């Protein structure tokens, strides 16, 4: 499964990079395939392991903020591996073809 999520501390002011970095640190330490962009971090793995990473990343931000917003989008597709890269490669092939 792929899970794209964003954790945002509420009430921490405009500069939240340090707190968001705490969430990304949890993702990177998980060892799961992942990618961080300007607005979301996507993690790939089995349900329990991915949801555990999301929970721990959210808790890492919540430890420094009284309120946290969590946005999550999941793509559940049995038997698919490396969807993190395969989905983008498929689009790139189509764009290159024409």
PDB file of N, CA and C in Angstrom:
ATOM      1  N   UNK A   1       0.835  -1.177   0.000  1.00  0.00           N
ATOM      2  CA  UNK A   1       0.000   0.000   0.000  1.00  0.00           C
ATOM      3  C   UNK A   1       0.877   1.236   0.000  1.00  0.00           C
ATOM      4  N   UNK A   2       0.336   2.289  -0.574  1.00  0.00           N
ATOM      5  CA  UNK A   2       0.979   3.595  -0.520  1.00  0.00           C
ATOM      6  C   UNK A   2       0.142   4.502   0.365  1.00  0.00           C
ATOM      7  N   UNK A   3       0.792   5.257   1.217  1.00  0.00           N
ATOM      8  CA  UNK A   3       0.109   6.259   2.024  1.00  0.00           C
ATOM      9  C   UNK A   3       0.855   7.568   1.883  1.00  0.00           C
ATOM     10  N   UNK A   4       0.134   8.575   1.394  1.00  0.00           N
ATOM     11  CA  UNK A   4       0.674   9.932   1.342  1.00  0.00           C
ATOM     12  C   UNK A   4       0.065  10.674   2.517  1.00  0.00           C
ATOM     13  N   UNK A   5       0.915  11.292   3.328  1.00  0.00           N
ATOM     14  CA  UNK A   5       0.369  12.004   4.476  1.00  0.00           C
ATOM     15  C   UNK A   5       1.132  13.290   4.744  1.00  0.00           C
ATOM     16  N   UNK A   6       0.449  14.171   5.439  1.00  0.00           N
ATOM     17  CA  UNK A   6       1.016  15.457   5.822  1.00  0.00           C
ATOM     18  C   UNK A   6       0.644  15.707   7.273  1.00  0.00           C
ATOM     19  N   UNK A   7       1.621  16.045   8.076  1.00  0.00           N
ATOM     20  CA  UNK A   7       1.402  16.351   9.483  1.00  0.00           C
ATOM     21  C   UNK A   7       1.779  17.815   9.692  1.00  0.00           C
ATOM     22  N   UNK A   8       0.838  18.589  10.197  1.00  0.00           N
ATOM     23  CA  UNK A   8       1.072  20.017  10.385  1.00  0.00           C
ATOM     24  C   UNK A   8       0.745  20.417  11.816  1.00  0.00           C
ATOM     25  N   UNK A   9       1.695  21.015  12.519  1.00  0.00           N
ATOM     26  CA  UNK A   9       1.383  21.525  13.848  1.00  0.00           C
ATOM     27  C   UNK A   9       0.494  22.761  13.723  1.00  0.00           C
ATOM     28  N   UNK A  10      -0.513  22.853  14.557  1.00  0.00           N
ATOM     29  CA  UNK A  10      -1.425  23.996  14.563  1.00  0.00           C
ATOM     30  C   UNK A  10      -1.039  24.909  15.722  1.00  0.00           C
ATOM     31  N   UNK A  11      -0.962  26.202  15.417  1.00  0.00           N
ATOM     32  CA  UNK A  11      -0.642  27.176  16.452  1.00  0.00           C
ATOM     33  C   UNK A  11       0.841  27.344  16.712  1.00  0.00           C
ATOM     34  N   UNK A  12       1.664  26.804  15.819  1.00  0.00           N
ATOM     35  CA  UNK A  12       3.119  26.877  16.005  1.00  0.00           C
ATOM     36  C   UNK A  12       3.732  28.011  15.186  1.00  0.00           C
ATOM     37  N   UNK A  13       2.893  28.832  14.555  1.00  0.00           N
ATOM     38  CA  UNK A  13       3.404  29.917  13.729  1.00  0.00           C
ATOM     39  C   UNK A  13       3.584  29.484  12.296  1.00  0.00           C
ATOM     40  N   UNK A  14       4.142  30.388  11.494  1.00  0.00           N
ATOM     41  CA  UNK A  14       4.316  30.104  10.069  1.00  0.00           C
ATOM     42  C   UNK A  14       5.470  29.148   9.784  1.00  0.00           C
ATOM     43  N   UNK A  15       6.542  29.248  10.521  1.00  0.00           N
ATOM     44  CA  UNK A  15       7.709  28.402  10.291  1.00  0.00           C
ATOM     45  C   UNK A  15       7.586  27.095  11.043  1.00  0.00           C
ATOM     46  N   UNK A  16       7.152  26.054  10.348  1.00  0.00           N
ATOM     47  CA  UNK A  16       6.938  24.756  11.003  1.00  0.00           C
ATOM     48  C   UNK A  16       7.937  23.695  10.555  1.00  0.00           C
ATOM     49  N   UNK A  17       8.955  24.100   9.815  1.00  0.00           N
ATOM     50  CA  UNK A  17       9.900  23.135   9.237  1.00  0.00           C
ATOM     51  C   UNK A  17      10.563  22.259  10.301  1.00  0.00           C
ATOM     52  N   UNK A  18      10.946  22.841  11.409  1.00  0.00           N
ATOM     53  CA  UNK A  18      11.617  22.036  12.438  1.00  0.00           C
ATOM     54  C   UNK A  18      10.716  20.936  12.979  1.00  0.00           C
ATOM     55  N   UNK A  19       9.441  21.245  13.163  1.00  0.00           N
ATOM     56  CA  UNK A  19       8.513  20.236  13.673  1.00  0.00           C
ATOM     57  C   UNK A  19       8.174  19.195  12.610  1.00  0.00           C
ATOM     58  N   UNK A  20       8.003  19.633  11.371  1.00  0.00           N
ATOM     59  CA  UNK A  20       7.742  18.688  10.284  1.00  0.00           C
ATOM     60  C   UNK A  20       8.944  17.767  10.092  1.00  0.00           C
ATOM     61  N   UNK A  21      10.142  18.304  10.280  1.00  0.00           N
ATOM     62  CA  UNK A  21      11.351  17.482  10.161  1.00  0.00           C
ATOM     63  C   UNK A  21      11.337  16.335  11.168  1.00  0.00           C
ATOM     64  N   UNK A  22      10.726  16.539  12.312  1.00  0.00           N
ATOM     65  CA  UNK A  22      10.622  15.459  13.303  1.00  0.00           C
ATOM     66  C   UNK A  22       9.800  14.299  12.738  1.00  0.00           C
ATOM     67  N   UNK A  23       8.732  14.614  12.015  1.00  0.00           N
ATOM     68  CA  UNK A  23       7.908  13.578  11.398  1.00  0.00           C
ATOM     69  C   UNK A  23       8.691  12.848  10.309  1.00  0.00           C
ATOM     70  N   UNK A  24       9.388  13.605   9.482  1.00  0.00           N
ATOM     71  CA  UNK A  24      10.173  13.003   8.397  1.00  0.00           C
ATOM     72  C   UNK A  24      11.295  12.138   8.965  1.00  0.00           C
ATOM     73  N   UNK A  25      11.856  12.547  10.069  1.00  0.00           N
ATOM     74  CA  UNK A  25      12.908  11.748  10.721  1.00  0.00           C
ATOM     75  C   UNK A  25      12.378  10.361  11.087  1.00  0.00           C
ATOM     76  N   UNK A  26      11.157  10.297  11.585  1.00  0.00           N
ATOM     77  CA  UNK A  26      10.533   9.016  11.932  1.00  0.00           C
ATOM     78  C   UNK A  26      10.370   8.154  10.686  1.00  0.00           C
ATOM     79  N   UNK A  27       9.913   8.769   9.598  1.00  0.00           N
ATOM     80  CA  UNK A  27       9.725   8.026   8.344  1.00  0.00           C
ATOM     81  C   UNK A  27      11.054   7.471   7.854  1.00  0.00           C
ATOM     82  N   UNK A  28      12.066   8.297   7.825  1.00  0.00           N
ATOM     83  CA  UNK A  28      13.375   7.852   7.332  1.00  0.00           C
ATOM     84  C   UNK A  28      13.961   6.738   8.188  1.00  0.00           C
ATOM     85  N   UNK A  29      13.756   6.803   9.478  1.00  0.00           N
ATOM     86  CA  UNK A  29      14.284   5.777  10.381  1.00  0.00           C
ATOM     87  C   UNK A  29      13.518   4.462  10.253  1.00  0.00           C
ATOM     88  N   UNK A  30      12.333   4.497   9.663  1.00  0.00           N
ATOM     89  CA  UNK A  30      11.502   3.290   9.567  1.00  0.00           C
ATOM     90  C   UNK A  30      12.095   2.242   8.635  1.00  0.00           C
ATOM     91  N   UNK A  31      12.890   2.674   7.660  1.00  0.00           N
ATOM     92  CA  UNK A  31      13.439   1.749   6.693  1.00  0.00           C
ATOM     93  C   UNK A  31      12.487   1.410   5.553  1.00  0.00           C
ATOM     94  N   UNK A  32      11.272   1.938   5.590  1.00  0.00           N
ATOM     95  CA  UNK A  32      10.315   1.690   4.517  1.00  0.00           C
ATOM     96  C   UNK A  32      10.620   2.595   3.329  1.00  0.00           C
ATOM     97  N   UNK A  33      10.290   2.159   2.117  1.00  0.00           N
ATOM     98  CA  UNK A  33      10.447   3.040   0.965  1.00  0.00           C
ATOM     99  C   UNK A  33       9.586   4.285   1.164  1.00  0.00           C
ATOM    100  N   UNK A  34      10.151   5.438   0.859  1.00  0.00           N
ATOM    101  CA  UNK A  34       9.417   6.685   1.093  1.00  0.00           C
ATOM    102  C   UNK A  34       9.944   7.785   0.177  1.00  0.00           C
ATOM    103  N   UNK A  35       9.160   8.821   0.075  1.00  0.00           N
ATOM    104  CA  UNK A  35       9.552   9.996  -0.694  1.00  0.00           C
ATOM    105  C   UNK A  35       8.884  11.205  -0.053  1.00  0.00           C
ATOM    106  N   UNK A  36       9.646  12.259   0.171  1.00  0.00           N
ATOM    107  CA  UNK A  36       9.100  13.484   0.739  1.00  0.00           C
ATOM    108  C   UNK A  36       9.124  14.569  -0.322  1.00  0.00           C
ATOM    109  N   UNK A  37       7.985  15.233  -0.492  1.00  0.00           N
ATOM    110  CA  UNK A  37       7.877  16.366  -1.408  1.00  0.00           C
ATOM    111  C   UNK A  37       7.528  17.599  -0.585  1.00  0.00           C
ATOM    112  N   UNK A  38       7.264  18.682  -1.256  1.00  0.00           N
ATOM    113  CA  UNK A  38       7.010  19.929  -0.546  1.00  0.00           C
ATOM    114  C   UNK A  38       5.740  19.903   0.301  1.00  0.00           C
ATOM    115  N   UNK A  39       4.820  18.995  -0.011  1.00  0.00           N
ATOM    116  CA  UNK A  39       3.559  18.998   0.726  1.00  0.00           C
ATOM    117  C   UNK A  39       3.196  17.676   1.397  1.00  0.00           C
ATOM    118  N   UNK A  40       3.761  16.561   0.937  1.00  0.00           N
ATOM    119  CA  UNK A  40       3.398  15.257   1.484  1.00  0.00           C
ATOM    120  C   UNK A  40       4.624  14.365   1.588  1.00  0.00           C
ATOM    121  N   UNK A  41       4.516  13.373   2.443  1.00  0.00           N
ATOM    122  CA  UNK A  41       5.472  12.278   2.481  1.00  0.00           C
ATOM    123  C   UNK A  41       4.695  11.017   2.134  1.00  0.00           C
ATOM    124  N   UNK A  42       5.224  10.243   1.193  1.00  0.00           N
ATOM    125  CA  UNK A  42       4.585   8.994   0.791  1.00  0.00           C
ATOM    126  C   UNK A  42       5.423   7.837   1.299  1.00  0.00           C
ATOM    127  N   UNK A  43       4.755   6.862   1.894  1.00  0.00           N
ATOM    128  CA  UNK A  43       5.409   5.692   2.464  1.00  0.00           C
ATOM    129  C   UNK A  43       4.774   4.449   1.849  1.00  0.00           C
ATOM    130  N   UNK A  44       5.596   3.440   1.562  1.00  0.00           N
ATOM    131  CA  UNK A  44       5.091   2.198   0.980  1.00  0.00           C
ATOM    132  C   UNK A  44       5.395   1.029   1.900  1.00  0.00           C
ATOM    133  N   UNK A  45       4.409   0.155   2.057  1.00  0.00           N
ATOM    134  CA  UNK A  45       4.605  -1.034   2.877  1.00  0.00           C
ATOM    135  C   UNK A  45       3.280  -1.700   3.185  1.00  0.00           C
ATOM    136  N   UNK A  46       3.301  -2.584   4.149  1.00  0.00           N
ATOM    137  CA  UNK A  46       2.085  -3.269   4.590  1.00  0.00           C
ATOM    138  C   UNK A  46       1.303  -2.362   5.537  1.00  0.00           C
ATOM    139  N   UNK A  47      -0.002  -2.603   5.622  1.00  0.00           N
ATOM    140  CA  UNK A  47      -0.906  -1.757   6.406  1.00  0.00           C
ATOM    141  C   UNK A  47      -0.360  -1.446   7.800  1.00  0.00           C
ATOM    142  N   UNK A  48      -0.078  -2.474   8.575  1.00  0.00           N
ATOM    143  CA  UNK A  48       0.325  -2.263   9.973  1.00  0.00           C
ATOM    144  C   UNK A  48       1.611  -1.453  10.082  1.00  0.00           C
ATOM    145  N   UNK A  49       2.588  -1.744   9.241  1.00  0.00           N
ATOM    146  CA  UNK A  49       3.861  -1.032   9.356  1.00  0.00           C
ATOM    147  C   UNK A  49       3.742   0.410   8.879  1.00  0.00           C
ATOM    148  N   UNK A  50       2.975   0.652   7.829  1.00  0.00           N
ATOM    149  CA  UNK A  50       2.805   2.024   7.335  1.00  0.00           C
ATOM    150  C   UNK A  50       2.005   2.859   8.332  1.00  0.00           C
ATOM    151  N   UNK A  51       0.921   2.296   8.836  1.00  0.00           N
ATOM    152  CA  UNK A  51       0.099   3.052   9.781  1.00  0.00           C
ATOM    153  C   UNK A  51       0.847   3.309  11.085  1.00  0.00           C
ATOM    154  N   UNK A  52       1.722   2.407  11.470  1.00  0.00           N
ATOM    155  CA  UNK A  52       2.551   2.635  12.654  1.00  0.00           C
ATOM    156  C   UNK A  52       3.498   3.818  12.432  1.00  0.00           C
ATOM    157  N   UNK A  53       4.069   3.908  11.233  1.00  0.00           N
ATOM    158  CA  UNK A  53       4.962   5.030  10.914  1.00  0.00           C
ATOM    159  C   UNK A  53       4.182   6.340  10.928  1.00  0.00           C
ATOM    160  N   UNK A  54       3.001   6.340  10.345  1.00  0.00           N
ATOM    161  CA  UNK A  54       2.166   7.556  10.342  1.00  0.00           C
ATOM    162  C   UNK A  54       1.835   7.962  11.776  1.00  0.00           C
ATOM    163  N   UNK A  55       1.471   6.994  12.589  1.00  0.00           N
ATOM    164  CA  UNK A  55       1.146   7.288  13.996  1.00  0.00           C
ATOM    165  C   UNK A  55       2.338   7.879  14.729  1.00  0.00           C
ATOM    166  N   UNK A  56       3.499   7.252  14.575  1.00  0.00           N
ATOM    167  CA  UNK A  56       4.691   7.730  15.285  1.00  0.00           C
ATOM    168  C   UNK A  56       5.150   9.093  14.767  1.00  0.00           C
ATOM    169  N   UNK A  57       5.011   9.328  13.467  1.00  0.00           N
ATOM    170  CA  UNK A  57       5.366  10.633  12.906  1.00  0.00           C
ATOM    171  C   UNK A  57       4.438  11.712  13.445  1.00  0.00           C
ATOM    172  N   UNK A  58       3.169  11.396  13.549  1.00  0.00           N
ATOM    173  CA  UNK A  58       2.196  12.345  14.092  1.00  0.00           C
ATOM    174  C   UNK A  58       2.482  12.613  15.562  1.00  0.00           C
ATOM    175  N   UNK A  59       2.793  11.593  16.305  1.00  0.00           N
ATOM    176  CA  UNK A  59       3.122  11.748  17.723  1.00  0.00           C
ATOM    177  C   UNK A  59       4.383  12.585  17.914  1.00  0.00           C
ATOM    178  N   UNK A  60       5.343  12.450  16.995  1.00  0.00           N
ATOM    179  CA  UNK A  60       6.587  13.233  17.091  1.00  0.00           C
ATOM    180  C   UNK A  60       6.293  14.723  16.969  1.00  0.00           C
ATOM    181  N   UNK A  61       5.365  15.087  16.105  1.00  0.00           N
ATOM    182  CA  UNK A  61       4.983  16.492  15.961  1.00  0.00           C
ATOM    183  C   UNK A  61       4.131  16.922  17.158  1.00  0.00           C
ATOM    184  N   UNK A  62       3.210  16.074  17.554  1.00  0.00           N
ATOM    185  CA  UNK A  62       2.317  16.391  18.674  1.00  0.00           C
ATOM    186  C   UNK A  62       3.070  16.599  19.975  1.00  0.00           C
ATOM    187  N   UNK A  63       4.243  16.022  20.091  1.00  0.00           N
ATOM    188  CA  UNK A  63       5.047  16.195  21.309  1.00  0.00           C
ATOM    189  C   UNK A  63       5.487  17.643  21.480  1.00  0.00           C
ATOM    190  N   UNK A  64       5.431  18.426  20.395  1.00  0.00           N
ATOM    191  CA  UNK A  64       5.880  19.815  20.436  1.00  0.00           C
ATOM    192  C   UNK A  64       4.772  20.809  20.080  1.00  0.00           C
ATOM    193  N   UNK A  65       3.564  20.320  19.862  1.00  0.00           N
ATOM    194  CA  UNK A  65       2.449  21.185  19.493  1.00  0.00           C
ATOM    195  C   UNK A  65       1.181  20.672  20.172  1.00  0.00           C
ATOM    196  N   UNK A  66       0.381  21.579  20.651  1.00  0.00           N
ATOM    197  CA  UNK A  66      -0.844  21.186  21.343  1.00  0.00           C
ATOM    198  C   UNK A  66      -1.922  20.656  20.419  1.00  0.00           C
ATOM    199  N   UNK A  67      -1.782  20.953  19.130  1.00  0.00           N
ATOM    200  CA  UNK A  67      -2.777  20.521  18.151  1.00  0.00           C
ATOM    201  C   UNK A  67      -2.075  20.176  16.849  1.00  0.00           C
ATOM    202  N   UNK A  68      -2.524  19.107  16.187  1.00  0.00           N
ATOM    203  CA  UNK A  68      -1.880  18.642  14.964  1.00  0.00           C
ATOM    204  C   UNK A  68      -2.957  18.312  13.928  1.00  0.00           C
ATOM    205  N   UNK A  69      -2.709  18.704  12.687  1.00  0.00           N
ATOM    206  CA  UNK A  69      -3.566  18.332  11.568  1.00  0.00           C
ATOM    207  C   UNK A  69      -2.875  17.200  10.806  1.00  0.00           C
ATOM    208  N   UNK A  70      -3.640  16.133  10.524  1.00  0.00           N
ATOM    209  CA  UNK A  70      -3.122  15.003   9.759  1.00  0.00           C
ATOM    210  C   UNK A  70      -4.007  14.815   8.538  1.00  0.00           C
ATOM    211  N   UNK A  71      -3.391  14.876   7.355  1.00  0.00           N
ATOM    212  CA  UNK A  71      -4.074  14.591   6.096  1.00  0.00           C
ATOM    213  C   UNK A  71      -3.460  13.307   5.547  1.00  0.00           C
ATOM    214  N   UNK A  72      -4.312  12.365   5.167  1.00  0.00           N
ATOM    215  CA  UNK A  72      -3.819  11.060   4.740  1.00  0.00           C
ATOM    216  C   UNK A  72      -4.609  10.579   3.524  1.00  0.00           C
ATOM    217  N   UNK A  73      -3.892  10.064   2.543  1.00  0.00           N
ATOM    218  CA  UNK A  73      -4.504   9.443   1.371  1.00  0.00           C
ATOM    219  C   UNK A  73      -3.813   8.107   1.153  1.00  0.00           C
ATOM    220  N   UNK A  74      -4.604   7.043   0.963  1.00  0.00           N
ATOM    221  CA  UNK A  74      -4.036   5.709   0.831  1.00  0.00           C
ATOM    222  C   UNK A  74      -4.463   5.059  -0.479  1.00  0.00           C
ATOM    223  N   UNK A  75      -3.532   4.290  -1.062  1.00  0.00           N
ATOM    224  CA  UNK A  75      -3.791   3.490  -2.256  1.00  0.00           C
ATOM    225  C   UNK A  75      -3.523   2.043  -1.869  1.00  0.00           C
ATOM    226  N   UNK A  76      -4.586   1.278  -1.727  1.00  0.00           N
ATOM    227  CA  UNK A  76      -4.470  -0.119  -1.310  1.00  0.00           C
ATOM    228  C   UNK A  76      -4.661  -1.006  -2.533  1.00  0.00           C
ATOM    229  N   UNK A  77      -3.603  -1.716  -2.889  1.00  0.00           N
ATOM    230  CA  UNK A  77      -3.652  -2.579  -4.067  1.00  0.00           C
ATOM    231  C   UNK A  77      -2.811  -3.822  -3.790  1.00  0.00           C
ATOM    232  N   UNK A  78      -3.475  -4.926  -3.597  1.00  0.00           N
ATOM    233  CA  UNK A  78      -2.800  -6.180  -3.252  1.00  0.00           C
ATOM    234  C   UNK A  78      -1.861  -6.628  -4.369  1.00  0.00           C
ATOM    235  N   UNK A  79      -0.721  -7.161  -3.968  1.00  0.00           N
ATOM    236  CA  UNK A  79       0.213  -7.756  -4.907  1.00  0.00           C
ATOM    237  C   UNK A  79       1.113  -6.796  -5.648  1.00  0.00           C
ATOM    238  N   UNK A  80       1.009  -5.526  -5.378  1.00  0.00           N
ATOM    239  CA  UNK A  80       1.834  -4.536  -6.073  1.00  0.00           C
ATOM    240  C   UNK A  80       3.030  -4.187  -5.201  1.00  0.00           C
ATOM    241  N   UNK A  81       4.208  -4.178  -5.805  1.00  0.00           N
ATOM    242  CA  UNK A  81       5.402  -3.745  -5.098  1.00  0.00           C
ATOM    243  C   UNK A  81       6.045  -2.603  -5.873  1.00  0.00           C
ATOM    244  N   UNK A  82       6.759  -1.779  -5.186  1.00  0.00           N
ATOM    245  CA  UNK A  82       7.443  -0.609  -5.737  1.00  0.00           C
ATOM    246  C   UNK A  82       6.498   0.331  -6.482  1.00  0.00           C
ATOM    247  N   UNK A  83       5.284   0.448  -5.990  1.00  0.00           N
ATOM    248  CA  UNK A  83       4.320   1.379  -6.587  1.00  0.00           C
ATOM    249  C   UNK A  83       4.807   2.817  -6.459  1.00  0.00           C
ATOM    250  N   UNK A  84       5.615   3.083  -5.464  1.00  0.00           N
ATOM    251  CA  UNK A  84       6.158   4.421  -5.255  1.00  0.00           C
ATOM    252  C   UNK A  84       6.856   4.933  -6.505  1.00  0.00           C
ATOM    253  N   UNK A  85       7.547   4.045  -7.206  1.00  0.00           N
ATOM    254  CA  UNK A  85       8.270   4.434  -8.419  1.00  0.00           C
ATOM    255  C   UNK A  85       7.554   4.001  -9.693  1.00  0.00           C
ATOM    256  N   UNK A  86       6.884   2.865  -9.658  1.00  0.00           N
ATOM    257  CA  UNK A  86       6.253   2.316 -10.863  1.00  0.00           C
ATOM    258  C   UNK A  86       5.153   3.220 -11.399  1.00  0.00           C
ATOM    259  N   UNK A  87       4.390   3.852 -10.520  1.00  0.00           N
ATOM    260  CA  UNK A  87       3.307   4.720 -10.979  1.00  0.00           C
ATOM    261  C   UNK A  87       3.855   5.932 -11.731  1.00  0.00           C
ATOM    262  N   UNK A  88       4.924   6.502 -11.233  1.00  0.00           N
ATOM    263  CA  UNK A  88       5.538   7.661 -11.887  1.00  0.00           C
ATOM    264  C   UNK A  88       6.195   7.236 -13.197  1.00  0.00           C
ATOM    265  N   UNK A  89       6.848   6.081 -13.198  1.00  0.00           N
ATOM    266  CA  UNK A  89       7.503   5.585 -14.416  1.00  0.00           C
ATOM    267  C   UNK A  89       6.478   5.358 -15.521  1.00  0.00           C
ATOM    268  N   UNK A  90       5.309   4.888 -15.176  1.00  0.00           N
ATOM    269  CA  UNK A  90       4.261   4.669 -16.163  1.00  0.00           C
ATOM    270  C   UNK A  90       3.841   5.975 -16.834  1.00  0.00           C
ATOM    271  N   UNK A  91       3.696   7.018 -16.052  1.00  0.00           N
ATOM    272  CA  UNK A  91       3.330   8.334 -16.594  1.00  0.00           C
ATOM    273  C   UNK A  91       4.477   8.874 -17.453  1.00  0.00           C
ATOM    274  N   UNK A  92       5.699   8.723 -16.973  1.00  0.00           N
ATOM    275  CA  UNK A  92       6.867   9.194 -17.751  1.00  0.00           C
ATOM    276  C   UNK A  92       6.950   8.504 -19.118  1.00  0.00           C
ATOM    277  N   UNK A  93       6.679   7.191 -19.158  1.00  0.00           N
ATOM    278  CA  UNK A  93       6.693   6.468 -20.433  1.00  0.00           C
ATOM    279  C   UNK A  93       5.658   7.034 -21.393  1.00  0.00           C
ATOM    280  N   UNK A  94       4.491   7.340 -20.898  1.00  0.00           N
ATOM    281  CA  UNK A  94       3.440   7.902 -21.748  1.00  0.00           C
ATOM    282  C   UNK A  94       3.823   9.293 -22.254  1.00  0.00           C
ATOM    283  N   UNK A  95       4.405  10.081 -21.395  1.00  0.00           N
ATOM    284  CA  UNK A  95       4.836  11.424 -21.806  1.00  0.00           C
ATOM    285  C   UNK A  95       5.956  11.365 -22.836  1.00  0.00           C
ATOM    286  N   UNK A  96       6.874  10.437 -22.635  1.00  0.00           N
ATOM    287  CA  UNK A  96       7.993  10.298 -23.581  1.00  0.00           C
ATOM    288  C   UNK A  96       7.527   9.796 -24.954  1.00  0.00           C
ATOM    289  N   UNK A  97       6.437   9.016 -24.949  1.00  0.00           N
ATOM    290  CA  UNK A  97       5.933   8.448 -26.194  1.00  0.00           C
ATOM    291  C   UNK A  97       5.174   9.473 -27.049  1.00  0.00           C
ATOM    292  N   UNK A  98       4.794  10.545 -26.405  1.00  0.00           N
ATOM    293  CA  UNK A  98       4.134  11.398 -27.281  1.00  0.00           C
ATOM    294  C   UNK A  98       3.458  12.593 -27.031  1.00  0.00           C
TER     295      UNK A  98
END
